[in-house]
Every structure is written in structure tokens, then in C-alpha cells.
Amino acid sequence: MTAKFPLGQILITSNAVDTVPPEEVRKSLARHAAGDWGDVDEHDRKENEMSLREGYRLLSVYHAGDQRFWIITEADRSATTVLLPEDY
């Protein structure tokens, strides 16, 4: 997969570290950077495509088993955070 944008500094919340297997985090970060937004709805998918062009924040949603987790890249592409929804 080819990255469509830089991830910047990669951060992960302590809840996500304790819950999401490291291999799932790595695979999901690669998908996110390639523009595979995971399980977002059509509205959020379109929002991400516009945000990619215009330089706004990007959100992806993935699952590790039954655990849902998010990956958010800041608008300035300085940082990408892996977190659980309840960490937001």
C-alpha cells in the first residue's frame, strides 16, 4: 500500500495499548495512510476524501475482534493517534 499522506508522530492511548494487538495497530496504520478508512459510514468516507484534498483531520475506524478503535490524523499531519472511542 502506498501512503497518501504522512502520519507524523504516532501516538497510542494506554487503553488502546492494553486492548489492540500490536500487529492490528500496524496493519490499521498502513490502511489508514493508504486511504482505506475502514468501517466509517458513507458520510465520513466522503468527509475524509475532502479532508485529504483540503488538509483537514482524518478519521478511520477499525476492529480487532469485537473491539472497535479509531485512528485520527491531525489536520497539519503532525500526529496520528490510535485510540478507543471512549478515549476521545
PDB file of N, CA and C in Angstrom:
ATOM      1  N   MET A   1       0.839  -1.184   0.000  1.00  0.00           N
ATOM      2  CA  MET A   1       0.000   0.000   0.000  1.00  0.00           C
ATOM      3  C   MET A   1       0.880   1.242   0.000  1.00  0.00           C
ATOM      4  N   THR A   2       0.501   2.209  -0.789  1.00  0.00           N
ATOM      5  CA  THR A   2       1.224   3.464  -0.867  1.00  0.00           C
ATOM      6  C   THR A   2       0.531   4.506   0.005  1.00  0.00           C
ATOM      7  N   ALA A   3       1.306   5.206   0.820  1.00  0.00           N
ATOM      8  CA  ALA A   3       0.749   6.236   1.700  1.00  0.00           C
ATOM      9  C   ALA A   3       0.296   7.448   0.888  1.00  0.00           C
ATOM     10  N   LYS A   4      -0.882   7.963   1.243  1.00  0.00           N
ATOM     11  CA  LYS A   4      -1.427   9.153   0.590  1.00  0.00           C
ATOM     12  C   LYS A   4      -1.108  10.425   1.365  1.00  0.00           C
ATOM     13  N   PHE A   5      -0.616  10.259   2.595  1.00  0.00           N
ATOM     14  CA  PHE A   5      -0.298  11.406   3.445  1.00  0.00           C
ATOM     15  C   PHE A   5       0.646  10.932   4.550  1.00  0.00           C
ATOM     16  N   PRO A   6       1.401  11.856   5.150  1.00  0.00           N
ATOM     17  CA  PRO A   6       2.284  11.481   6.265  1.00  0.00           C
ATOM     18  C   PRO A   6       1.482  11.317   7.557  1.00  0.00           C
ATOM     19  N   LEU A   7       1.896  10.373   8.373  1.00  0.00           N
ATOM     20  CA  LEU A   7       1.230  10.143   9.653  1.00  0.00           C
ATOM     21  C   LEU A   7       1.756  11.051  10.756  1.00  0.00           C
ATOM     22  N   GLY A   8       2.944  11.618  10.572  1.00  0.00           N
ATOM     23  CA  GLY A   8       3.551  12.416  11.638  1.00  0.00           C
ATOM     24  C   GLY A   8       3.932  11.519  12.803  1.00  0.00           C
ATOM     25  N   GLN A   9       3.969  12.083  13.996  1.00  0.00           N
ATOM     26  CA  GLN A   9       4.284  11.312  15.194  1.00  0.00           C
ATOM     27  C   GLN A   9       3.120  10.372  15.483  1.00  0.00           C
ATOM     28  N   ILE A  10       3.403   9.109  15.733  1.00  0.00           N
ATOM     29  CA  ILE A  10       2.358   8.133  16.022  1.00  0.00           C
ATOM     30  C   ILE A  10       2.213   7.994  17.533  1.00  0.00           C
ATOM     31  N   LEU A  11       0.997   8.205  17.992  1.00  0.00           N
ATOM     32  CA  LEU A  11       0.667   8.126  19.413  1.00  0.00           C
ATOM     33  C   LEU A  11      -0.396   7.052  19.606  1.00  0.00           C
ATOM     34  N   ILE A  12      -0.438   6.468  20.801  1.00  0.00           N
ATOM     35  CA  ILE A  12      -1.463   5.479  21.119  1.00  0.00           C
ATOM     36  C   ILE A  12      -1.838   5.624  22.586  1.00  0.00           C
ATOM     37  N   THR A  13      -3.127   5.639  22.852  1.00  0.00           N
ATOM     38  CA  THR A  13      -3.568   5.787  24.241  1.00  0.00           C
ATOM     39  C   THR A  13      -3.266   4.508  25.020  1.00  0.00           C
ATOM     40  N   SER A  14      -3.198   4.621  26.331  1.00  0.00           N
ATOM     41  CA  SER A  14      -2.910   3.453  27.161  1.00  0.00           C
ATOM     42  C   SER A  14      -4.014   2.408  27.038  1.00  0.00           C
ATOM     43  N   ASN A  15      -5.266   2.834  26.905  1.00  0.00           N
ATOM     44  CA  ASN A  15      -6.360   1.882  26.694  1.00  0.00           C
ATOM     45  C   ASN A  15      -6.153   1.091  25.414  1.00  0.00           C
ATOM     46  N   ALA A  16      -5.769   1.759  24.341  1.00  0.00           N
ATOM     47  CA  ALA A  16      -5.547   1.078  23.063  1.00  0.00           C
ATOM     48  C   ALA A  16      -4.354   0.130  23.150  1.00  0.00           C
ATOM     49  N   VAL A  17      -3.288   0.543  23.826  1.00  0.00           N
ATOM     50  CA  VAL A  17      -2.121  -0.331  24.005  1.00  0.00           C
ATOM     51  C   VAL A  17      -2.545  -1.618  24.717  1.00  0.00           C
ATOM     52  N   ASP A  18      -3.405  -1.480  25.733  1.00  0.00           N
ATOM     53  CA  ASP A  18      -3.833  -2.629  26.526  1.00  0.00           C
ATOM     54  C   ASP A  18      -4.851  -3.516  25.811  1.00  0.00           C
ATOM     55  N   THR A  19      -5.488  -2.995  24.747  1.00  0.00           N
ATOM     56  CA  THR A  19      -6.624  -3.680  24.142  1.00  0.00           C
ATOM     57  C   THR A  19      -6.385  -4.165  22.716  1.00  0.00           C
ATOM     58  N   VAL A  20      -5.669  -3.384  21.910  1.00  0.00           N
ATOM     59  CA  VAL A  20      -5.498  -3.696  20.491  1.00  0.00           C
ATOM     60  C   VAL A  20      -4.139  -4.357  20.270  1.00  0.00           C
ATOM     61  N   PRO A  21      -4.117  -5.550  19.684  1.00  0.00           N
ATOM     62  CA  PRO A  21      -2.835  -6.223  19.429  1.00  0.00           C
ATOM     63  C   PRO A  21      -1.924  -5.372  18.538  1.00  0.00           C
ATOM     64  N   PRO A  22      -0.625  -5.348  18.830  1.00  0.00           N
ATOM     65  CA  PRO A  22       0.310  -4.516  18.064  1.00  0.00           C
ATOM     66  C   PRO A  22       0.248  -4.757  16.544  1.00  0.00           C
ATOM     67  N   GLU A  23       0.072  -5.997  16.128  1.00  0.00           N
ATOM     68  CA  GLU A  23       0.003  -6.289  14.696  1.00  0.00           C
ATOM     69  C   GLU A  23      -1.224  -5.641  14.057  1.00  0.00           C
ATOM     70  N   GLU A  24      -2.342  -5.608  14.788  1.00  0.00           N
ATOM     71  CA  GLU A  24      -3.554  -4.935  14.287  1.00  0.00           C
ATOM     72  C   GLU A  24      -3.324  -3.432  14.167  1.00  0.00           C
ATOM     73  N   VAL A  25      -2.598  -2.877  15.128  1.00  0.00           N
ATOM     74  CA  VAL A  25      -2.268  -1.448  15.073  1.00  0.00           C
ATOM     75  C   VAL A  25      -1.428  -1.169  13.836  1.00  0.00           C
ATOM     76  N   ARG A  26      -0.393  -1.962  13.598  1.00  0.00           N
ATOM     77  CA  ARG A  26       0.476  -1.757  12.429  1.00  0.00           C
ATOM     78  C   ARG A  26      -0.299  -1.872  11.121  1.00  0.00           C
ATOM     79  N   LYS A  27      -1.096  -2.925  10.991  1.00  0.00           N
ATOM     80  CA  LYS A  27      -1.874  -3.113   9.765  1.00  0.00           C
ATOM     81  C   LYS A  27      -2.861  -1.974   9.549  1.00  0.00           C
ATOM     82  N   SER A  28      -3.511  -1.545  10.612  1.00  0.00           N
ATOM     83  CA  SER A  28      -4.508  -0.487  10.507  1.00  0.00           C
ATOM     84  C   SER A  28      -3.872   0.865  10.195  1.00  0.00           C
ATOM     85  N   LEU A  29      -2.697   1.140  10.750  1.00  0.00           N
ATOM     86  CA  LEU A  29      -1.993   2.380  10.408  1.00  0.00           C
ATOM     87  C   LEU A  29      -1.637   2.407   8.924  1.00  0.00           C
ATOM     88  N   ALA A  30      -1.217   1.279   8.376  1.00  0.00           N
ATOM     89  CA  ALA A  30      -0.899   1.205   6.942  1.00  0.00           C
ATOM     90  C   ALA A  30      -2.152   1.422   6.107  1.00  0.00           C
ATOM     91  N   ARG A  31      -3.261   0.806   6.505  1.00  0.00           N
ATOM     92  CA  ARG A  31      -4.528   1.008   5.783  1.00  0.00           C
ATOM     93  C   ARG A  31      -4.957   2.474   5.836  1.00  0.00           C
ATOM     94  N   HIS A  32      -4.881   3.067   7.010  1.00  0.00           N
ATOM     95  CA  HIS A  32      -5.258   4.474   7.208  1.00  0.00           C
ATOM     96  C   HIS A  32      -4.432   5.375   6.292  1.00  0.00           C
ATOM     97  N   ALA A  33      -3.117   5.203   6.299  1.00  0.00           N
ATOM     98  CA  ALA A  33      -2.229   6.043   5.485  1.00  0.00           C
ATOM     99  C   ALA A  33      -2.499   5.873   3.993  1.00  0.00           C
ATOM    100  N   ALA A  34      -2.987   4.688   3.608  1.00  0.00           N
ATOM    101  CA  ALA A  34      -3.280   4.416   2.196  1.00  0.00           C
ATOM    102  C   ALA A  34      -4.668   4.903   1.782  1.00  0.00           C
ATOM    103  N   GLY A  35      -5.430   5.454   2.735  1.00  0.00           N
ATOM    104  CA  GLY A  35      -6.764   5.958   2.409  1.00  0.00           C
ATOM    105  C   GLY A  35      -7.861   4.920   2.501  1.00  0.00           C
ATOM    106  N   ASP A  36      -7.592   3.800   3.167  1.00  0.00           N
ATOM    107  CA  ASP A  36      -8.621   2.797   3.458  1.00  0.00           C
ATOM    108  C   ASP A  36      -9.144   3.146   4.851  1.00  0.00           C
ATOM    109  N   TRP A  37     -10.295   3.793   4.885  1.00  0.00           N
ATOM    110  CA  TRP A  37     -10.813   4.364   6.132  1.00  0.00           C
ATOM    111  C   TRP A  37     -11.519   3.353   7.023  1.00  0.00           C
ATOM    112  N   GLY A  38     -11.511   2.084   6.634  1.00  0.00           N
ATOM    113  CA  GLY A  38     -12.107   1.057   7.485  1.00  0.00           C
ATOM    114  C   GLY A  38     -13.621   1.116   7.485  1.00  0.00           C
ATOM    115  N   ASP A  39     -14.197   1.072   8.670  1.00  0.00           N
ATOM    116  CA  ASP A  39     -15.650   0.940   8.834  1.00  0.00           C
ATOM    117  C   ASP A  39     -16.367   2.263   9.066  1.00  0.00           C
ATOM    118  N   VAL A  40     -15.929   3.332   8.422  1.00  0.00           N
ATOM    119  CA  VAL A  40     -16.664   4.594   8.528  1.00  0.00           C
ATOM    120  C   VAL A  40     -17.888   4.525   7.618  1.00  0.00           C
ATOM    121  N   ASP A  41     -18.910   5.326   7.918  1.00  0.00           N
ATOM    122  CA  ASP A  41     -20.088   5.358   7.062  1.00  0.00           C
ATOM    123  C   ASP A  41     -19.813   6.199   5.810  1.00  0.00           C
ATOM    124  N   GLU A  42     -20.748   6.215   4.889  1.00  0.00           N
ATOM    125  CA  GLU A  42     -20.537   6.900   3.613  1.00  0.00           C
ATOM    126  C   GLU A  42     -20.282   8.395   3.804  1.00  0.00           C
ATOM    127  N   HIS A  43     -20.987   9.020   4.728  1.00  0.00           N
ATOM    128  CA  HIS A  43     -20.777  10.450   5.006  1.00  0.00           C
ATOM    129  C   HIS A  43     -19.339  10.711   5.451  1.00  0.00           C
ATOM    130  N   ASP A  44     -18.855   9.918   6.412  1.00  0.00           N
ATOM    131  CA  ASP A  44     -17.488  10.107   6.908  1.00  0.00           C
ATOM    132  C   ASP A  44     -16.449   9.748   5.848  1.00  0.00           C
ATOM    133  N   ARG A  45     -16.763   8.779   4.983  1.00  0.00           N
ATOM    134  CA  ARG A  45     -15.854   8.425   3.894  1.00  0.00           C
ATOM    135  C   ARG A  45     -15.686   9.629   2.953  1.00  0.00           C
ATOM    136  N   LYS A  46     -16.794  10.255   2.598  1.00  0.00           N
ATOM    137  CA  LYS A  46     -16.741  11.439   1.725  1.00  0.00           C
ATOM    138  C   LYS A  46     -16.028  12.594   2.428  1.00  0.00           C
ATOM    139  N   GLU A  47     -16.286  12.744   3.713  1.00  0.00           N
ATOM    140  CA  GLU A  47     -15.623  13.787   4.506  1.00  0.00           C
ATOM    141  C   GLU A  47     -14.105  13.565   4.508  1.00  0.00           C
ATOM    142  N   ASN A  48     -13.673  12.324   4.680  1.00  0.00           N
ATOM    143  CA  ASN A  48     -12.237  12.015   4.655  1.00  0.00           C
ATOM    144  C   ASN A  48     -11.626  12.321   3.296  1.00  0.00           C
ATOM    145  N   GLU A  49     -12.322  11.993   2.226  1.00  0.00           N
ATOM    146  CA  GLU A  49     -11.787  12.264   0.884  1.00  0.00           C
ATOM    147  C   GLU A  49     -11.616  13.771   0.677  1.00  0.00           C
ATOM    148  N   MET A  50     -12.591  14.555   1.122  1.00  0.00           N
ATOM    149  CA  MET A  50     -12.482  16.011   1.050  1.00  0.00           C
ATOM    150  C   MET A  50     -11.353  16.504   1.964  1.00  0.00           C
ATOM    151  N   SER A  51     -11.261  15.935   3.156  1.00  0.00           N
ATOM    152  CA  SER A  51     -10.223  16.331   4.118  1.00  0.00           C
ATOM    153  C   SER A  51      -8.827  16.001   3.605  1.00  0.00           C
ATOM    154  N   LEU A  52      -8.712  14.918   2.864  1.00  0.00           N
ATOM    155  CA  LEU A  52      -7.430  14.545   2.276  1.00  0.00           C
ATOM    156  C   LEU A  52      -6.995  15.607   1.263  1.00  0.00           C
ATOM    157  N   ARG A  53      -7.926  16.062   0.453  1.00  0.00           N
ATOM    158  CA  ARG A  53      -7.623  17.101  -0.548  1.00  0.00           C
ATOM    159  C   ARG A  53      -7.375  18.470   0.085  1.00  0.00           C
ATOM    160  N   GLU A  54      -8.169  18.810   1.095  1.00  0.00           N
ATOM    161  CA  GLU A  54      -8.154  20.155   1.675  1.00  0.00           C
ATOM    162  C   GLU A  54      -7.251  20.298   2.899  1.00  0.00           C
ATOM    163  N   GLY A  55      -6.737  19.204   3.419  1.00  0.00           N
ATOM    164  CA  GLY A  55      -5.822  19.278   4.560  1.00  0.00           C
ATOM    165  C   GLY A  55      -6.503  19.365   5.907  1.00  0.00           C
ATOM    166  N   TYR A  56      -7.621  18.641   6.077  1.00  0.00           N
ATOM    167  CA  TYR A  56      -8.318  18.598   7.364  1.00  0.00           C
ATOM    168  C   TYR A  56      -8.018  17.277   8.074  1.00  0.00           C
ATOM    169  N   ARG A  57      -8.551  17.146   9.262  1.00  0.00           N
ATOM    170  CA  ARG A  57      -8.341  15.952  10.077  1.00  0.00           C
ATOM    171  C   ARG A  57      -8.962  14.718   9.410  1.00  0.00           C
ATOM    172  N   LEU A  58      -8.316  13.556   9.599  1.00  0.00           N
ATOM    173  CA  LEU A  58      -8.761  12.294   9.003  1.00  0.00           C
ATOM    174  C   LEU A  58      -9.098  11.291  10.095  1.00  0.00           C
ATOM    175  N   LEU A  59     -10.182  10.553   9.906  1.00  0.00           N
ATOM    176  CA  LEU A  59     -10.638   9.564  10.888  1.00  0.00           C
ATOM    177  C   LEU A  59     -10.882   8.227  10.201  1.00  0.00           C
ATOM    178  N   SER A  60     -10.328   7.166  10.772  1.00  0.00           N
ATOM    179  CA  SER A  60     -10.613   5.804  10.332  1.00  0.00           C
ATOM    180  C   SER A  60     -11.134   5.008  11.517  1.00  0.00           C
ATOM    181  N   VAL A  61     -11.933   3.992  11.215  1.00  0.00           N
ATOM    182  CA  VAL A  61     -12.498   3.120  12.244  1.00  0.00           C
ATOM    183  C   VAL A  61     -12.163   1.680  11.871  1.00  0.00           C
ATOM    184  N   TYR A  62     -11.585   0.956  12.815  1.00  0.00           N
ATOM    185  CA  TYR A  62     -11.204  -0.437  12.582  1.00  0.00           C
ATOM    186  C   TYR A  62     -11.664  -1.294  13.758  1.00  0.00           C
ATOM    187  N   HIS A  63     -11.514  -2.611  13.616  1.00  0.00           N
ATOM    188  CA  HIS A  63     -11.872  -3.559  14.672  1.00  0.00           C
ATOM    189  C   HIS A  63     -10.744  -4.563  14.874  1.00  0.00           C
ATOM    190  N   ALA A  64     -10.528  -4.912  16.116  1.00  0.00           N
ATOM    191  CA  ALA A  64      -9.653  -6.028  16.487  1.00  0.00           C
ATOM    192  C   ALA A  64     -10.557  -6.975  17.263  1.00  0.00           C
ATOM    193  N   GLY A  65     -11.053  -8.004  16.596  1.00  0.00           N
ATOM    194  CA  GLY A  65     -12.080  -8.845  17.209  1.00  0.00           C
ATOM    195  C   GLY A  65     -13.329  -8.006  17.404  1.00  0.00           C
ATOM    196  N   ASP A  66     -13.850  -7.988  18.607  1.00  0.00           N
ATOM    197  CA  ASP A  66     -15.043  -7.187  18.915  1.00  0.00           C
ATOM    198  C   ASP A  66     -14.702  -5.755  19.318  1.00  0.00           C
ATOM    199  N   GLN A  67     -13.416  -5.467  19.500  1.00  0.00           N
ATOM    200  CA  GLN A  67     -13.000  -4.138  19.960  1.00  0.00           C
ATOM    201  C   GLN A  67     -12.885  -3.162  18.796  1.00  0.00           C
ATOM    202  N   ARG A  68     -13.655  -2.114  18.861  1.00  0.00           N
ATOM    203  CA  ARG A  68     -13.596  -1.050  17.868  1.00  0.00           C
ATOM    204  C   ARG A  68     -12.541  -0.040  18.304  1.00  0.00           C
ATOM    205  N   PHE A  69     -11.761   0.465  17.333  1.00  0.00           N
ATOM    206  CA  PHE A  69     -10.799   1.515  17.653  1.00  0.00           C
ATOM    207  C   PHE A  69     -10.703   2.498  16.501  1.00  0.00           C
ATOM    208  N   TRP A  70     -10.239   3.672  16.820  1.00  0.00           N
ATOM    209  CA  TRP A  70     -10.143   4.766  15.856  1.00  0.00           C
ATOM    210  C   TRP A  70      -8.683   5.103  15.604  1.00  0.00           C
ATOM    211  N   ILE A  71      -8.433   5.656  14.424  1.00  0.00           N
ATOM    212  CA  ILE A  71      -7.156   6.290  14.116  1.00  0.00           C
ATOM    213  C   ILE A  71      -7.473   7.674  13.579  1.00  0.00           C
ATOM    214  N   ILE A  72      -6.875   8.679  14.196  1.00  0.00           N
ATOM    215  CA  ILE A  72      -7.112  10.079  13.815  1.00  0.00           C
ATOM    216  C   ILE A  72      -5.782  10.730  13.474  1.00  0.00           C
ATOM    217  N   THR A  73      -5.709  11.324  12.289  1.00  0.00           N
ATOM    218  CA  THR A  73      -4.539  12.114  11.895  1.00  0.00           C
ATOM    219  C   THR A  73      -4.938  13.577  11.920  1.00  0.00           C
ATOM    220  N   GLU A  74      -4.122  14.384  12.589  1.00  0.00           N
ATOM    221  CA  GLU A  74      -4.407  15.806  12.721  1.00  0.00           C
ATOM    222  C   GLU A  74      -4.323  16.511  11.367  1.00  0.00           C
ATOM    223  N   ALA A  75      -5.002  17.625  11.261  1.00  0.00           N
ATOM    224  CA  ALA A  75      -5.082  18.375  10.008  1.00  0.00           C
ATOM    225  C   ALA A  75      -3.708  18.758   9.471  1.00  0.00           C
ATOM    226  N   ASP A  76      -2.784  19.109  10.359  1.00  0.00           N
ATOM    227  CA  ASP A  76      -1.451  19.520   9.902  1.00  0.00           C
ATOM    228  C   ASP A  76      -0.524  18.326   9.672  1.00  0.00           C
ATOM    229  N   ARG A  77      -1.060  17.110   9.861  1.00  0.00           N
ATOM    230  CA  ARG A  77      -0.329  15.854   9.649  1.00  0.00           C
ATOM    231  C   ARG A  77       0.870  15.700  10.589  1.00  0.00           C
ATOM    232  N   SER A  78       0.834  16.418  11.712  1.00  0.00           N
ATOM    233  CA  SER A  78       1.933  16.340  12.677  1.00  0.00           C
ATOM    234  C   SER A  78       1.846  15.108  13.562  1.00  0.00           C
ATOM    235  N   ALA A  79       0.643  14.556  13.713  1.00  0.00           N
ATOM    236  CA  ALA A  79       0.469  13.419  14.616  1.00  0.00           C
ATOM    237  C   ALA A  79      -0.728  12.578  14.192  1.00  0.00           C
ATOM    238  N   THR A  80      -0.605  11.291  14.476  1.00  0.00           N
ATOM    239  CA  THR A  80      -1.687  10.325  14.276  1.00  0.00           C
ATOM    240  C   THR A  80      -1.854   9.571  15.574  1.00  0.00           C
ATOM    241  N   THR A  81      -3.094   9.471  16.047  1.00  0.00           N
ATOM    242  CA  THR A  81      -3.367   8.833  17.330  1.00  0.00           C
ATOM    243  C   THR A  81      -4.257   7.618  17.137  1.00  0.00           C
ATOM    244  N   VAL A  82      -3.876   6.522  17.786  1.00  0.00           N
ATOM    245  CA  VAL A  82      -4.682   5.298  17.843  1.00  0.00           C
ATOM    246  C   VAL A  82      -5.375   5.337  19.201  1.00  0.00           C
ATOM    247  N   LEU A  83      -6.699   5.212  19.207  1.00  0.00           N
ATOM    248  CA  LEU A  83      -7.434   5.314  20.446  1.00  0.00           C
ATOM    249  C   LEU A  83      -8.726   4.519  20.399  1.00  0.00           C
ATOM    250  N   LEU A  84      -9.266   4.230  21.568  1.00  0.00           N
ATOM    251  CA  LEU A  84     -10.583   3.623  21.661  1.00  0.00           C
ATOM    252  C   LEU A  84     -11.605   4.757  21.672  1.00  0.00           C
ATOM    253  N   PRO A  85     -12.835   4.508  21.203  1.00  0.00           N
ATOM    254  CA  PRO A  85     -13.837   5.580  21.206  1.00  0.00           C
ATOM    255  C   PRO A  85     -14.021   6.247  22.569  1.00  0.00           C
ATOM    256  N   GLU A  86     -13.940   5.448  23.632  1.00  0.00           N
ATOM    257  CA  GLU A  86     -14.128   6.038  24.965  1.00  0.00           C
ATOM    258  C   GLU A  86     -12.948   6.906  25.408  1.00  0.00           C
ATOM    259  N   ASP A  87     -11.832   6.871  24.675  1.00  0.00           N
ATOM    260  CA  ASP A  87     -10.679   7.725  24.990  1.00  0.00           C
ATOM    261  C   ASP A  87     -10.846   9.134  24.434  1.00  0.00           C
ATOM    262  N   TYR A  88     -11.808   9.318  23.529  1.00  0.00           N
ATOM    263  CA  TYR A  88     -11.956  10.592  22.827  1.00  0.00           C
ATOM    264  C   TYR A  88     -12.503  11.666  23.727  1.00  0.00           C
TER     265      TYR A  88
END
